[in-house]
Amino acid sequence: MIRKAVQNDVPNILEIINEVILNTTAIYEYEPWTLVKAEKWFQKRIDSGFPIIVMEENGEFIGYGTYSSFRERIAYRFTVEHSIYIHQSHRGKGHGHTLLQELIRIAKNEKIHSMIGVVDATNTGSIEFHKQHAFDEVGKIKEVGYKFDRWLDVVLLQRVL
């Protein structure tokens, strides 16, 4: 089941975010978030009119997806950057595909013109995942992040809706 996120989902979202921060290069942060930071992030997305959707299966929290402004300037208002994260025990089962399809549907309904994925260049699984959903690799930015004692490149993927 996919539904809009509610405030009570924040601890589950936080659990996923913190696991990703600590163990992967999918989020370019070092320190785990606090519950207060996650609640502020959640409220800012909601107040800005951006969706946060969650997936549950048999009462278990599977993952979430969201998008927000790609850049803050007015001319970028029809382009969004999306994020999808799945709980570590549910990865590789196709749940991300379902969440991304729903985010694309929402974006089209909201008259969004373009979606951008910003992916760590070593995350070939995520790059291929995006390509399966008609995202084109449109660029690579070298050595823009530093995590786990190494420089990281990002790949930009875009889908014009």
N, C-alpha and C. Protein backbone atom coordinates (compact mmCIF):
# COMPACT_ATOMS: atom_id res chain seq x y z
N MET A 1 0.84 -1.17 0.00
CA MET A 1 0.00 0.00 0.00
C MET A 1 0.89 1.25 0.00
N ILE A 2 0.58 2.18 -0.87
CA ILE A 2 1.25 3.47 -0.89
C ILE A 2 0.25 4.53 -0.46
N ARG A 3 0.72 5.42 0.42
CA ARG A 3 -0.14 6.49 0.92
C ARG A 3 0.70 7.70 1.23
N LYS A 4 0.01 8.83 1.46
CA LYS A 4 0.71 10.03 1.89
C LYS A 4 1.28 9.79 3.29
N ALA A 5 2.47 10.31 3.50
CA ALA A 5 3.08 10.20 4.82
C ALA A 5 2.35 11.10 5.81
N VAL A 6 2.34 10.66 7.05
CA VAL A 6 1.79 11.45 8.15
C VAL A 6 2.88 11.60 9.21
N GLN A 7 2.65 12.51 10.13
CA GLN A 7 3.65 12.81 11.17
C GLN A 7 4.12 11.54 11.89
N ASN A 8 3.23 10.60 12.12
CA ASN A 8 3.61 9.36 12.83
C ASN A 8 4.59 8.50 12.05
N ASP A 9 4.79 8.79 10.75
CA ASP A 9 5.75 8.03 9.93
C ASP A 9 7.18 8.51 10.11
N VAL A 10 7.36 9.67 10.72
CA VAL A 10 8.70 10.27 10.82
C VAL A 10 9.71 9.33 11.49
N PRO A 11 9.41 8.65 12.59
CA PRO A 11 10.42 7.74 13.16
C PRO A 11 10.85 6.62 12.20
N ASN A 12 9.93 6.10 11.41
CA ASN A 12 10.30 5.07 10.44
C ASN A 12 11.16 5.65 9.32
N ILE A 13 10.81 6.84 8.85
CA ILE A 13 11.62 7.52 7.84
C ILE A 13 13.02 7.78 8.40
N LEU A 14 13.07 8.24 9.64
CA LEU A 14 14.34 8.53 10.31
C LEU A 14 15.22 7.28 10.40
N GLU A 15 14.64 6.15 10.72
CA GLU A 15 15.41 4.91 10.80
C GLU A 15 16.09 4.61 9.46
N ILE A 16 15.36 4.78 8.37
CA ILE A 16 15.92 4.53 7.04
C ILE A 16 17.01 5.55 6.72
N ILE A 17 16.72 6.82 6.94
CA ILE A 17 17.70 7.87 6.65
C ILE A 17 19.00 7.61 7.39
N ASN A 18 18.92 7.31 8.67
CA ASN A 18 20.13 7.13 9.47
C ASN A 18 20.93 5.91 9.04
N GLU A 19 20.26 4.84 8.67
CA GLU A 19 20.99 3.66 8.18
C GLU A 19 21.72 4.00 6.88
N VAL A 20 21.06 4.75 6.00
CA VAL A 20 21.67 5.14 4.73
C VAL A 20 22.86 6.08 4.97
N ILE A 21 22.70 7.05 5.85
CA ILE A 21 23.80 7.98 6.17
C ILE A 21 25.01 7.22 6.68
N LEU A 22 24.79 6.31 7.61
CA LEU A 22 25.90 5.62 8.26
C LEU A 22 26.59 4.57 7.39
N ASN A 23 25.87 3.99 6.43
CA ASN A 23 26.41 2.83 5.73
C ASN A 23 26.57 2.96 4.23
N THR A 24 26.13 4.07 3.64
CA THR A 24 26.17 4.19 2.19
C THR A 24 26.62 5.59 1.77
N THR A 25 26.81 5.74 0.47
CA THR A 25 27.09 7.06 -0.09
C THR A 25 25.86 7.60 -0.81
N ALA A 26 24.70 7.07 -0.51
CA ALA A 26 23.46 7.56 -1.12
C ALA A 26 23.03 8.91 -0.55
N ILE A 27 23.42 9.21 0.68
CA ILE A 27 23.18 10.53 1.28
C ILE A 27 24.53 11.07 1.70
N TYR A 28 24.88 12.23 1.19
CA TYR A 28 26.18 12.82 1.46
C TYR A 28 26.16 13.59 2.79
N GLU A 29 25.89 12.89 3.85
CA GLU A 29 25.97 13.44 5.19
C GLU A 29 26.76 12.46 6.04
N TYR A 30 27.30 12.94 7.14
CA TYR A 30 28.11 12.10 8.03
C TYR A 30 27.37 11.67 9.29
N GLU A 31 26.64 12.61 9.87
CA GLU A 31 26.04 12.38 11.18
C GLU A 31 24.57 11.96 11.05
N PRO A 32 24.15 10.99 11.85
CA PRO A 32 22.72 10.61 11.86
C PRO A 32 21.87 11.81 12.25
N TRP A 33 20.66 11.81 11.73
CA TRP A 33 19.71 12.86 12.08
C TRP A 33 19.11 12.58 13.44
N THR A 34 18.68 13.64 14.08
CA THR A 34 17.89 13.51 15.30
C THR A 34 16.41 13.47 14.90
N LEU A 35 15.58 13.07 15.81
CA LEU A 35 14.15 13.09 15.56
C LEU A 35 13.67 14.52 15.30
N VAL A 36 14.21 15.47 16.02
CA VAL A 36 13.83 16.87 15.82
C VAL A 36 14.17 17.32 14.40
N LYS A 37 15.36 16.98 13.91
CA LYS A 37 15.74 17.36 12.55
C LYS A 37 14.82 16.71 11.53
N ALA A 38 14.49 15.44 11.73
CA ALA A 38 13.59 14.74 10.81
C ALA A 38 12.20 15.36 10.81
N GLU A 39 11.72 15.73 11.98
CA GLU A 39 10.40 16.36 12.06
C GLU A 39 10.38 17.71 11.35
N LYS A 40 11.46 18.48 11.49
CA LYS A 40 11.55 19.78 10.79
C LYS A 40 11.61 19.56 9.28
N TRP A 41 12.39 18.59 8.83
CA TRP A 41 12.47 18.25 7.40
C TRP A 41 11.09 17.88 6.87
N PHE A 42 10.40 17.02 7.60
CA PHE A 42 9.07 16.57 7.21
C PHE A 42 8.12 17.76 7.08
N GLN A 43 8.08 18.61 8.09
CA GLN A 43 7.15 19.74 8.10
C GLN A 43 7.46 20.73 7.00
N LYS A 44 8.74 20.96 6.73
CA LYS A 44 9.12 21.89 5.66
C LYS A 44 8.64 21.36 4.31
N ARG A 45 8.80 20.06 4.06
CA ARG A 45 8.31 19.48 2.80
C ARG A 45 6.80 19.66 2.67
N ILE A 46 6.09 19.33 3.72
CA ILE A 46 4.63 19.42 3.70
C ILE A 46 4.19 20.88 3.51
N ASP A 47 4.80 21.79 4.27
CA ASP A 47 4.45 23.20 4.18
C ASP A 47 4.74 23.77 2.79
N SER A 48 5.75 23.22 2.12
CA SER A 48 6.12 23.68 0.78
C SER A 48 5.27 23.03 -0.31
N GLY A 49 4.39 22.12 0.07
CA GLY A 49 3.51 21.49 -0.89
C GLY A 49 4.12 20.32 -1.64
N PHE A 50 5.24 19.80 -1.15
CA PHE A 50 5.88 18.67 -1.80
C PHE A 50 5.40 17.36 -1.19
N PRO A 51 5.28 16.33 -2.02
CA PRO A 51 4.77 15.06 -1.50
C PRO A 51 5.83 14.25 -0.75
N ILE A 52 5.37 13.54 0.23
CA ILE A 52 6.14 12.47 0.86
C ILE A 52 5.18 11.29 0.88
N ILE A 53 5.59 10.21 0.22
CA ILE A 53 4.75 9.01 0.19
C ILE A 53 5.48 7.87 0.87
N VAL A 54 4.71 6.98 1.46
CA VAL A 54 5.30 5.82 2.13
C VAL A 54 4.66 4.55 1.60
N MET A 55 5.43 3.48 1.71
CA MET A 55 4.93 2.16 1.33
C MET A 55 4.92 1.27 2.56
N GLU A 56 3.80 0.59 2.73
CA GLU A 56 3.66 -0.41 3.79
C GLU A 56 3.23 -1.72 3.17
N GLU A 57 3.62 -2.80 3.82
CA GLU A 57 3.21 -4.13 3.37
C GLU A 57 2.95 -4.97 4.61
N ASN A 58 1.74 -5.46 4.73
CA ASN A 58 1.35 -6.24 5.91
C ASN A 58 1.67 -5.51 7.21
N GLY A 59 1.40 -4.19 7.21
CA GLY A 59 1.62 -3.39 8.41
C GLY A 59 3.07 -3.01 8.67
N GLU A 60 3.97 -3.40 7.78
CA GLU A 60 5.38 -3.12 7.97
C GLU A 60 5.80 -1.95 7.07
N PHE A 61 6.60 -1.05 7.60
CA PHE A 61 7.08 0.12 6.86
C PHE A 61 8.18 -0.32 5.92
N ILE A 62 7.99 -0.12 4.62
CA ILE A 62 8.94 -0.59 3.60
C ILE A 62 9.90 0.52 3.16
N GLY A 63 9.35 1.72 2.92
CA GLY A 63 10.20 2.80 2.44
C GLY A 63 9.39 4.04 2.16
N TYR A 64 10.07 5.05 1.61
CA TYR A 64 9.39 6.30 1.32
C TYR A 64 10.01 6.94 0.08
N GLY A 65 9.25 7.86 -0.49
CA GLY A 65 9.72 8.64 -1.62
C GLY A 65 9.23 10.07 -1.48
N THR A 66 9.96 10.98 -2.07
CA THR A 66 9.61 12.39 -1.99
C THR A 66 10.29 13.14 -3.13
N TYR A 67 9.86 14.35 -3.35
CA TYR A 67 10.63 15.26 -4.20
C TYR A 67 10.47 16.67 -3.66
N SER A 68 11.40 17.52 -4.09
CA SER A 68 11.37 18.93 -3.71
C SER A 68 12.07 19.73 -4.79
N SER A 69 12.23 20.99 -4.54
CA SER A 69 12.84 21.89 -5.52
C SER A 69 14.20 21.37 -5.95
N PHE A 70 14.45 21.44 -7.25
CA PHE A 70 15.78 21.13 -7.77
C PHE A 70 16.72 22.28 -7.44
N ARG A 71 16.28 23.47 -7.70
CA ARG A 71 17.00 24.70 -7.34
C ARG A 71 15.95 25.69 -6.87
N GLU A 72 16.36 26.68 -6.12
CA GLU A 72 15.40 27.60 -5.51
C GLU A 72 14.91 28.71 -6.43
N ARG A 73 15.61 29.05 -7.45
CA ARG A 73 15.21 30.16 -8.32
C ARG A 73 13.91 29.84 -9.05
N ILE A 74 13.12 30.88 -9.31
CA ILE A 74 11.77 30.74 -9.85
C ILE A 74 11.73 29.97 -11.17
N ALA A 75 12.70 30.16 -12.03
CA ALA A 75 12.66 29.51 -13.33
C ALA A 75 12.78 27.98 -13.23
N TYR A 76 13.23 27.48 -12.10
CA TYR A 76 13.36 26.04 -11.89
C TYR A 76 12.10 25.41 -11.29
N ARG A 77 11.05 26.17 -11.13
CA ARG A 77 9.89 25.70 -10.36
C ARG A 77 9.20 24.47 -10.96
N PHE A 78 9.44 24.17 -12.21
CA PHE A 78 8.81 23.00 -12.84
C PHE A 78 9.74 21.79 -12.88
N THR A 79 10.86 21.88 -12.18
CA THR A 79 11.82 20.78 -12.09
C THR A 79 12.00 20.41 -10.63
N VAL A 80 11.99 19.12 -10.35
CA VAL A 80 12.15 18.64 -8.98
C VAL A 80 13.26 17.60 -8.91
N GLU A 81 13.83 17.49 -7.73
CA GLU A 81 14.80 16.43 -7.43
C GLU A 81 14.11 15.44 -6.51
N HIS A 82 14.16 14.18 -6.86
CA HIS A 82 13.45 13.18 -6.08
C HIS A 82 14.41 12.29 -5.28
N SER A 83 13.85 11.63 -4.29
CA SER A 83 14.58 10.68 -3.46
C SER A 83 13.66 9.53 -3.13
N ILE A 84 14.21 8.33 -3.16
CA ILE A 84 13.48 7.13 -2.76
C ILE A 84 14.43 6.29 -1.91
N TYR A 85 13.97 5.89 -0.76
CA TYR A 85 14.78 5.06 0.12
C TYR A 85 13.93 3.91 0.65
N ILE A 86 14.52 2.74 0.62
CA ILE A 86 13.85 1.52 1.06
C ILE A 86 14.58 0.99 2.29
N HIS A 87 13.81 0.49 3.25
CA HIS A 87 14.40 -0.12 4.45
C HIS A 87 15.35 -1.23 4.01
N GLN A 88 16.48 -1.34 4.68
CA GLN A 88 17.53 -2.29 4.26
C GLN A 88 17.03 -3.72 4.15
N SER A 89 16.05 -4.12 4.93
CA SER A 89 15.57 -5.50 4.87
C SER A 89 14.60 -5.75 3.72
N HIS A 90 14.28 -4.69 2.96
CA HIS A 90 13.32 -4.83 1.86
C HIS A 90 13.90 -4.42 0.51
N ARG A 91 15.19 -4.15 0.45
CA ARG A 91 15.80 -3.71 -0.81
C ARG A 91 15.89 -4.88 -1.79
N GLY A 92 15.85 -4.53 -3.07
CA GLY A 92 15.99 -5.53 -4.12
C GLY A 92 14.73 -6.31 -4.43
N LYS A 93 13.59 -5.85 -3.94
CA LYS A 93 12.33 -6.58 -4.14
C LYS A 93 11.36 -5.83 -5.04
N GLY A 94 11.81 -4.74 -5.65
CA GLY A 94 10.96 -3.99 -6.58
C GLY A 94 10.14 -2.88 -5.96
N HIS A 95 10.28 -2.66 -4.67
CA HIS A 95 9.48 -1.63 -4.01
C HIS A 95 9.84 -0.22 -4.50
N GLY A 96 11.10 0.01 -4.79
CA GLY A 96 11.52 1.31 -5.28
C GLY A 96 10.85 1.66 -6.60
N HIS A 97 10.66 0.66 -7.46
CA HIS A 97 9.99 0.89 -8.74
C HIS A 97 8.57 1.40 -8.52
N THR A 98 7.88 0.78 -7.59
CA THR A 98 6.51 1.17 -7.31
C THR A 98 6.44 2.59 -6.76
N LEU A 99 7.35 2.92 -5.85
CA LEU A 99 7.38 4.28 -5.29
C LEU A 99 7.72 5.31 -6.36
N LEU A 100 8.69 5.01 -7.22
CA LEU A 100 9.05 5.97 -8.26
C LEU A 100 7.91 6.17 -9.24
N GLN A 101 7.23 5.12 -9.62
CA GLN A 101 6.08 5.25 -10.52
C GLN A 101 5.02 6.16 -9.91
N GLU A 102 4.80 6.03 -8.62
CA GLU A 102 3.81 6.88 -7.96
C GLU A 102 4.29 8.33 -7.90
N LEU A 103 5.57 8.56 -7.62
CA LEU A 103 6.09 9.93 -7.61
C LEU A 103 5.97 10.56 -9.00
N ILE A 104 6.23 9.79 -10.04
CA ILE A 104 6.09 10.31 -11.41
C ILE A 104 4.64 10.67 -11.68
N ARG A 105 3.72 9.84 -11.26
CA ARG A 105 2.30 10.12 -11.45
C ARG A 105 1.91 11.42 -10.73
N ILE A 106 2.35 11.57 -9.50
CA ILE A 106 2.06 12.78 -8.73
C ILE A 106 2.66 14.01 -9.41
N ALA A 107 3.90 13.88 -9.85
CA ALA A 107 4.58 15.01 -10.50
C ALA A 107 3.84 15.43 -11.76
N LYS A 108 3.41 14.47 -12.56
CA LYS A 108 2.66 14.81 -13.77
C LYS A 108 1.37 15.53 -13.42
N ASN A 109 0.68 15.06 -12.41
CA ASN A 109 -0.57 15.72 -11.97
C ASN A 109 -0.31 17.14 -11.48
N GLU A 110 0.85 17.37 -10.92
CA GLU A 110 1.21 18.69 -10.40
C GLU A 110 1.85 19.57 -11.48
N LYS A 111 1.84 19.09 -12.72
CA LYS A 111 2.38 19.84 -13.87
C LYS A 111 3.89 20.07 -13.75
N ILE A 112 4.58 19.13 -13.10
CA ILE A 112 6.04 19.17 -13.08
C ILE A 112 6.52 18.77 -14.47
N HIS A 113 7.54 19.44 -14.96
CA HIS A 113 8.04 19.18 -16.31
C HIS A 113 9.21 18.21 -16.33
N SER A 114 10.04 18.24 -15.28
CA SER A 114 11.27 17.46 -15.30
C SER A 114 11.60 16.96 -13.90
N MET A 115 12.06 15.71 -13.83
CA MET A 115 12.51 15.14 -12.56
C MET A 115 14.00 14.83 -12.69
N ILE A 116 14.73 15.13 -11.61
CA ILE A 116 16.17 14.92 -11.58
C ILE A 116 16.51 13.96 -10.45
N GLY A 117 17.37 13.00 -10.77
CA GLY A 117 17.96 12.13 -9.76
C GLY A 117 19.43 12.48 -9.65
N VAL A 118 19.90 12.69 -8.45
CA VAL A 118 21.32 12.96 -8.20
C VAL A 118 21.85 11.74 -7.46
N VAL A 119 22.70 10.96 -8.14
CA VAL A 119 23.07 9.64 -7.65
C VAL A 119 24.59 9.53 -7.54
N ASP A 120 25.08 8.96 -6.46
CA ASP A 120 26.50 8.69 -6.33
C ASP A 120 26.94 7.81 -7.50
N ALA A 121 28.03 8.19 -8.14
CA ALA A 121 28.47 7.52 -9.37
C ALA A 121 28.80 6.04 -9.16
N THR A 122 29.13 5.65 -7.94
CA THR A 122 29.43 4.23 -7.69
C THR A 122 28.17 3.40 -7.49
N ASN A 123 27.02 4.07 -7.38
CA ASN A 123 25.76 3.37 -7.15
C ASN A 123 25.14 2.97 -8.50
N THR A 124 25.78 2.00 -9.13
CA THR A 124 25.34 1.58 -10.47
C THR A 124 23.94 0.99 -10.44
N GLY A 125 23.55 0.39 -9.34
CA GLY A 125 22.19 -0.14 -9.22
C GLY A 125 21.15 0.96 -9.33
N SER A 126 21.38 2.09 -8.67
CA SER A 126 20.45 3.21 -8.73
C SER A 126 20.46 3.85 -10.11
N ILE A 127 21.61 3.93 -10.73
CA ILE A 127 21.69 4.50 -12.07
C ILE A 127 20.88 3.64 -13.04
N GLU A 128 21.04 2.34 -12.98
CA GLU A 128 20.28 1.44 -13.87
C GLU A 128 18.79 1.48 -13.54
N PHE A 129 18.48 1.56 -12.26
CA PHE A 129 17.09 1.69 -11.81
C PHE A 129 16.43 2.89 -12.49
N HIS A 130 17.11 4.02 -12.48
CA HIS A 130 16.56 5.22 -13.11
C HIS A 130 16.40 5.04 -14.61
N LYS A 131 17.37 4.44 -15.24
CA LYS A 131 17.29 4.23 -16.69
C LYS A 131 16.11 3.33 -17.05
N GLN A 132 15.77 2.39 -16.18
CA GLN A 132 14.60 1.53 -16.40
C GLN A 132 13.30 2.34 -16.38
N HIS A 133 13.35 3.53 -15.81
CA HIS A 133 12.17 4.39 -15.73
C HIS A 133 12.30 5.60 -16.67
N ALA A 134 13.04 5.42 -17.74
CA ALA A 134 13.18 6.42 -18.80
C ALA A 134 13.92 7.68 -18.36
N PHE A 135 14.79 7.57 -17.38
CA PHE A 135 15.67 8.66 -17.02
C PHE A 135 16.92 8.55 -17.88
N ASP A 136 17.38 9.68 -18.38
CA ASP A 136 18.61 9.73 -19.16
C ASP A 136 19.75 10.24 -18.30
N GLU A 137 20.92 9.66 -18.46
CA GLU A 137 22.10 10.17 -17.79
C GLU A 137 22.53 11.42 -18.54
N VAL A 138 22.47 12.56 -17.87
CA VAL A 138 22.72 13.84 -18.55
C VAL A 138 24.00 14.53 -18.08
N GLY A 139 24.67 13.95 -17.11
CA GLY A 139 25.92 14.57 -16.68
C GLY A 139 26.55 13.88 -15.50
N LYS A 140 27.80 14.22 -15.30
CA LYS A 140 28.56 13.71 -14.16
C LYS A 140 29.36 14.88 -13.60
N ILE A 141 29.30 15.04 -12.29
CA ILE A 141 30.07 16.08 -11.63
C ILE A 141 31.13 15.37 -10.78
N LYS A 142 32.36 15.65 -11.06
CA LYS A 142 33.46 14.93 -10.42
C LYS A 142 33.84 15.53 -9.07
N GLU A 143 34.08 14.63 -8.13
CA GLU A 143 34.65 14.94 -6.82
C GLU A 143 33.95 16.10 -6.11
N VAL A 144 32.62 16.02 -6.04
CA VAL A 144 31.85 17.07 -5.35
C VAL A 144 31.51 16.71 -3.92
N GLY A 145 31.68 15.45 -3.56
CA GLY A 145 31.42 15.02 -2.20
C GLY A 145 32.63 14.31 -1.63
N TYR A 146 32.71 14.28 -0.31
CA TYR A 146 33.81 13.57 0.35
C TYR A 146 33.21 12.80 1.52
N LYS A 147 33.29 11.48 1.45
CA LYS A 147 32.73 10.63 2.50
C LYS A 147 33.50 9.32 2.51
N PHE A 148 33.63 8.74 3.67
CA PHE A 148 34.34 7.48 3.85
C PHE A 148 35.77 7.57 3.29
N ASP A 149 36.41 8.72 3.53
CA ASP A 149 37.81 8.97 3.16
C ASP A 149 38.08 8.89 1.67
N ARG A 150 37.08 9.30 0.87
CA ARG A 150 37.32 9.34 -0.58
C ARG A 150 36.43 10.41 -1.22
N TRP A 151 36.90 10.89 -2.37
CA TRP A 151 36.13 11.85 -3.16
C TRP A 151 35.07 11.10 -3.94
N LEU A 152 33.90 11.74 -4.06
CA LEU A 152 32.76 11.11 -4.69
C LEU A 152 32.26 11.95 -5.87
N ASP A 153 31.92 11.26 -6.94
CA ASP A 153 31.31 11.88 -8.10
C ASP A 153 29.81 11.64 -8.05
N VAL A 154 29.05 12.54 -8.66
CA VAL A 154 27.61 12.32 -8.78
C VAL A 154 27.22 12.26 -10.26
N VAL A 155 26.24 11.44 -10.53
CA VAL A 155 25.66 11.33 -11.85
C VAL A 155 24.29 12.00 -11.79
N LEU A 156 23.99 12.80 -12.80
CA LEU A 156 22.68 13.45 -12.90
C LEU A 156 21.85 12.68 -13.91
N LEU A 157 20.65 12.32 -13.48
CA LEU A 157 19.71 11.61 -14.35
C LEU A 157 18.44 12.44 -14.45
N GLN A 158 17.88 12.50 -15.64
CA GLN A 158 16.73 13.36 -15.86
C GLN A 158 15.67 12.63 -16.66
N ARG A 159 14.44 12.89 -16.28
CA ARG A 159 13.30 12.45 -17.06
C ARG A 159 12.41 13.66 -17.31
N VAL A 160 12.23 13.98 -18.58
CA VAL A 160 11.28 15.02 -18.95
C VAL A 160 9.92 14.37 -18.99
N LEU A 161 8.99 14.91 -18.23
CA LEU A 161 7.68 14.29 -18.12
C LEU A 161 6.75 14.74 -19.22
